[in-house]
């Protein structure tokens, strides 16, 4: 489903990714571990269409994402990918319901019943009208997971999703991500510096100095 061919990325004179080759099958759950600065988040942003590689190609469903126009990349992000971030990235002035609904609205869909159903699935039934500041960190990440899934993307990209949570809450969040991914047959790419989190994935890779190894 996802294929990277000789993908490199530079920031100025610094080469962050060095000719990455990677294939991810549909429905796979892979983890990529590495230290800070190893290129993990950069790789995720390239796959998610948030940035463009310096050289190389990224193929998703037989389409060359690296050749997309900015408008095509925007549609790709809106429809095909769902991001889960370390710091949740919720809209502070919106309710739980409104945060989860946002990807649908961006795609011209209201889908209220679907939003309620997904909020219930992540264990936040009854908190629909709460603003993020009234929620714990784990609850906010549950909102972020629901938001990442609500528009039914094929690809879930999780960037240190438990990095700001305690280990017990982090484990619960990873269980939830894995369960939902399996239920909905999503392709998941998780990047983390925590080795134990990689055990939730079916395939585990490492990145060091911009190079991926088994």
Protein backbone atom coordinates (compact mmCIF):
# COMPACT_ATOMS: atom_id res chain seq x y z
CA UNK A 1 0.00 0.00 0.00
CA UNK A 2 2.86 2.39 0.88
CA UNK A 3 6.23 2.28 -0.84
CA UNK A 4 9.20 4.58 -0.30
CA UNK A 5 11.94 4.54 -2.91
CA UNK A 6 15.31 6.12 -2.07
CA UNK A 7 13.66 8.89 -0.04
CA UNK A 8 16.06 11.55 1.22
CA UNK A 9 15.36 14.77 3.10
CA UNK A 10 17.62 17.74 3.72
CA UNK A 11 17.26 20.74 6.00
CA UNK A 12 19.86 23.15 4.70
CA UNK A 13 23.15 21.25 4.56
CA UNK A 14 21.94 18.59 7.00
CA UNK A 15 20.70 15.31 5.53
CA UNK A 16 18.03 13.93 7.88
CA UNK A 17 16.91 10.92 5.81
CA UNK A 18 19.41 9.01 3.67
CA UNK A 19 17.81 7.07 0.85
CA UNK A 20 14.98 5.33 2.73
CA UNK A 21 13.45 2.23 1.10
CA UNK A 22 10.32 0.93 2.83
CA UNK A 23 7.22 -1.08 1.94
CA UNK A 24 4.11 -1.26 4.12
CA UNK A 25 1.27 -3.65 3.30
CA UNK A 26 -2.40 -2.72 3.66
CA UNK A 27 -3.60 -3.40 7.23
CA UNK A 28 -0.07 -3.67 8.60
CA UNK A 29 0.94 -2.15 11.94
CA UNK A 30 4.60 -1.19 12.00
CA UNK A 31 6.67 0.65 14.57
CA UNK A 32 9.79 2.67 13.89
CA UNK A 33 11.94 3.35 16.94
CA UNK A 34 14.82 5.74 17.19
CA UNK A 35 16.35 8.44 19.34
CA UNK A 36 15.53 12.13 19.13
CA UNK A 37 16.81 13.58 15.86
CA UNK A 38 17.04 10.22 14.09
CA UNK A 39 14.48 11.25 11.45
CA UNK A 40 11.35 9.49 12.79
CA UNK A 41 8.97 12.44 12.69
CA UNK A 42 10.39 13.67 9.40
CA UNK A 43 9.64 10.28 7.84
CA UNK A 44 6.08 10.32 9.19
CA UNK A 45 5.48 13.85 7.91
CA UNK A 46 6.64 12.84 4.43
CA UNK A 47 4.31 9.82 4.32
CA UNK A 48 1.47 11.99 5.61
CA UNK A 49 1.95 14.65 2.96
CA UNK A 50 2.90 17.31 5.51
CA UNK A 51 6.26 17.80 3.79
CA UNK A 52 8.02 16.78 0.58
CA UNK A 53 11.21 14.73 0.21
CA UNK A 54 14.34 16.22 -1.31
CA UNK A 55 14.76 13.19 -3.57
CA UNK A 56 13.04 9.84 -4.03
CA UNK A 57 9.40 8.80 -4.38
CA UNK A 58 6.52 7.94 -2.05
CA UNK A 59 3.91 5.69 -3.64
CA UNK A 60 0.52 5.21 -1.94
CA UNK A 61 -2.08 2.97 -3.61
CA UNK A 62 -0.05 3.05 -6.83
CA UNK A 63 -0.04 6.88 -6.91
CA UNK A 64 3.11 8.97 -6.67
CA UNK A 65 2.32 11.30 -3.76
CA UNK A 66 5.55 13.21 -4.34
CA UNK A 67 4.20 14.42 -7.69
CA UNK A 68 1.00 15.85 -6.19
CA UNK A 69 0.17 19.54 -6.40
CA UNK A 70 -0.44 21.38 -3.12
CA UNK A 71 -4.19 21.04 -3.67
CA UNK A 72 -3.87 17.29 -4.27
CA UNK A 73 -1.71 16.94 -1.15
CA UNK A 74 -4.38 18.74 0.90
CA UNK A 75 -7.04 16.30 -0.31
CA UNK A 76 -4.68 13.38 0.37
CA UNK A 77 -4.20 14.54 3.97
CA UNK A 78 -7.91 15.14 4.49
CA UNK A 79 -9.14 11.86 3.06
CA UNK A 80 -6.41 9.22 3.27
CA UNK A 81 -4.46 9.92 6.47
CA UNK A 82 -5.19 10.39 10.15
CA UNK A 83 -2.54 11.84 12.48
CA UNK A 84 -2.17 11.20 16.22
CA UNK A 85 0.30 13.61 17.82
CA UNK A 86 2.23 13.55 21.09
CA UNK A 87 0.62 16.74 22.40
CA UNK A 88 -2.91 15.95 21.13
CA UNK A 89 -3.22 19.16 19.03
CA UNK A 90 -6.87 19.63 19.98
CA UNK A 91 -8.63 22.93 19.36
CA UNK A 92 -8.85 24.44 22.89
CA UNK A 93 -12.00 26.47 22.22
CA UNK A 94 -13.97 23.56 20.76
CA UNK A 95 -15.79 20.78 22.60
CA UNK A 96 -14.89 17.10 22.41
CA UNK A 97 -17.67 16.60 19.86
CA UNK A 98 -16.52 19.54 17.72
CA UNK A 99 -12.88 18.42 17.78
CA UNK A 100 -13.80 14.92 16.61
CA UNK A 101 -16.18 16.26 13.96
CA UNK A 102 -13.63 18.65 12.42
CA UNK A 103 -12.14 16.23 9.80
CA UNK A 104 -15.66 15.46 8.59
CA UNK A 105 -16.51 19.15 8.22
CA UNK A 106 -13.32 19.70 6.23
CA UNK A 107 -14.58 17.03 3.84
CA UNK A 108 -18.06 18.59 3.65
CA UNK A 109 -19.70 15.94 5.86
CA UNK A 110 -21.64 16.44 9.12
CA UNK A 111 -21.87 12.82 10.28
CA UNK A 112 -23.13 13.56 13.80
CA UNK A 113 -24.20 9.97 14.49
CA UNK A 114 -20.76 8.70 13.50
CA UNK A 115 -19.09 11.23 15.82
CA UNK A 116 -21.22 10.18 18.78
CA UNK A 117 -20.59 6.51 18.04
CA UNK A 118 -16.81 6.95 17.89
CA UNK A 119 -16.70 9.08 21.05
CA UNK A 120 -18.53 6.26 22.83
CA UNK A 121 -16.10 3.70 21.38
CA UNK A 122 -13.07 5.50 22.82
CA UNK A 123 -14.74 5.62 26.26
CA UNK A 124 -15.80 9.27 26.43
CA UNK A 125 -19.58 9.00 26.24
CA UNK A 126 -21.10 11.87 28.23
CA UNK A 127 -18.10 14.16 27.68
CA UNK A 128 -19.17 15.39 24.24
CA UNK A 129 -19.69 18.98 25.39
CA UNK A 130 -16.51 19.21 27.47
CA UNK A 131 -13.63 21.45 26.35
CA UNK A 132 -10.17 19.84 26.27
CA UNK A 133 -8.94 21.62 29.42
CA UNK A 134 -11.48 19.67 31.47
CA UNK A 135 -10.01 16.34 30.35
CA UNK A 136 -6.99 14.39 31.56
CA UNK A 137 -4.07 13.77 29.21
CA UNK A 138 -5.27 10.25 28.48
CA UNK A 139 -8.78 11.48 27.75
CA UNK A 140 -7.44 14.16 25.40
CA UNK A 141 -5.47 11.53 23.51
CA UNK A 142 -8.67 9.46 23.20
CA UNK A 143 -10.31 12.46 21.59
CA UNK A 144 -7.33 12.75 19.23
CA UNK A 145 -7.65 9.06 18.30
CA UNK A 146 -11.35 9.47 17.55
CA UNK A 147 -10.57 12.54 15.45
CA UNK A 148 -7.90 10.62 13.51
CA UNK A 149 -10.36 7.83 12.67
CA UNK A 150 -13.67 9.65 12.14
CA UNK A 151 -13.19 10.36 8.41
CA UNK A 152 -12.27 6.72 7.81
CA UNK A 153 -8.70 7.21 6.54
CA UNK A 154 -6.73 4.25 5.24
CA UNK A 155 -3.52 5.26 7.01
CA UNK A 156 -3.01 6.14 10.69
CA UNK A 157 0.24 7.94 11.51
CA UNK A 158 1.08 8.04 15.22
CA UNK A 159 3.91 10.35 16.26
CA UNK A 160 5.00 9.55 19.87
CA UNK A 161 1.30 9.16 20.83
CA UNK A 162 2.08 8.34 24.47
CA UNK A 163 5.05 10.68 24.90
CA UNK A 164 3.25 13.05 27.27
CA UNK A 165 1.41 10.35 29.25
CA UNK A 166 2.39 8.18 32.21
CA UNK A 167 3.23 4.56 31.42
CA UNK A 168 -0.11 3.09 32.58
CA UNK A 169 -2.16 5.58 30.58
CA UNK A 170 0.20 5.17 27.64
CA UNK A 171 -0.31 1.40 27.64
CA UNK A 172 -4.10 1.88 27.63
CA UNK A 173 -3.83 4.27 24.70
CA UNK A 174 -1.68 1.84 22.72
CA UNK A 175 -4.17 -0.98 23.39
CA UNK A 176 -6.92 1.28 22.07
CA UNK A 177 -5.00 2.24 18.94
CA UNK A 178 -4.24 -1.41 18.18
CA UNK A 179 -7.83 -2.54 18.80
CA UNK A 180 -9.36 0.17 16.64
CA UNK A 181 -6.81 -0.37 13.86
CA UNK A 182 -7.59 -4.09 13.77
CA UNK A 183 -11.36 -3.52 13.93
CA UNK A 184 -11.32 -1.04 11.09
CA UNK A 185 -8.45 -2.68 9.13
CA UNK A 186 -6.27 0.43 9.13
CA UNK A 187 -2.63 0.65 8.17
CA UNK A 188 -0.70 2.07 11.13
CA UNK A 189 2.80 3.54 11.28
CA UNK A 190 3.94 4.34 14.80
CA UNK A 191 7.14 6.23 15.56
CA UNK A 192 8.49 6.32 19.10
CA UNK A 193 11.70 6.43 21.10
CA UNK A 194 10.21 3.97 23.63
CA UNK A 195 11.28 0.41 22.83
CA UNK A 196 8.44 -1.23 24.79
CA UNK A 197 5.81 0.57 22.68
CA UNK A 198 7.14 -1.08 19.54
CA UNK A 199 5.88 -4.41 20.92
CA UNK A 200 2.31 -3.35 20.06
CA UNK A 201 3.21 -3.47 16.37
CA UNK A 202 3.31 -6.54 14.15
CA UNK A 203 6.51 -5.41 12.46
CA UNK A 204 9.29 -3.50 14.19
CA UNK A 205 11.96 -1.37 12.54
CA UNK A 206 14.65 1.00 13.77
CA UNK A 207 15.92 4.28 12.39
CA UNK A 208 19.35 5.64 13.17
CA UNK A 209 21.11 8.57 11.56
CA UNK A 210 18.49 8.70 8.81
CA UNK A 211 18.72 5.01 7.86
CA UNK A 212 16.13 2.27 8.55
CA UNK A 213 17.24 -1.15 9.79
CA UNK A 214 15.29 -4.27 10.93
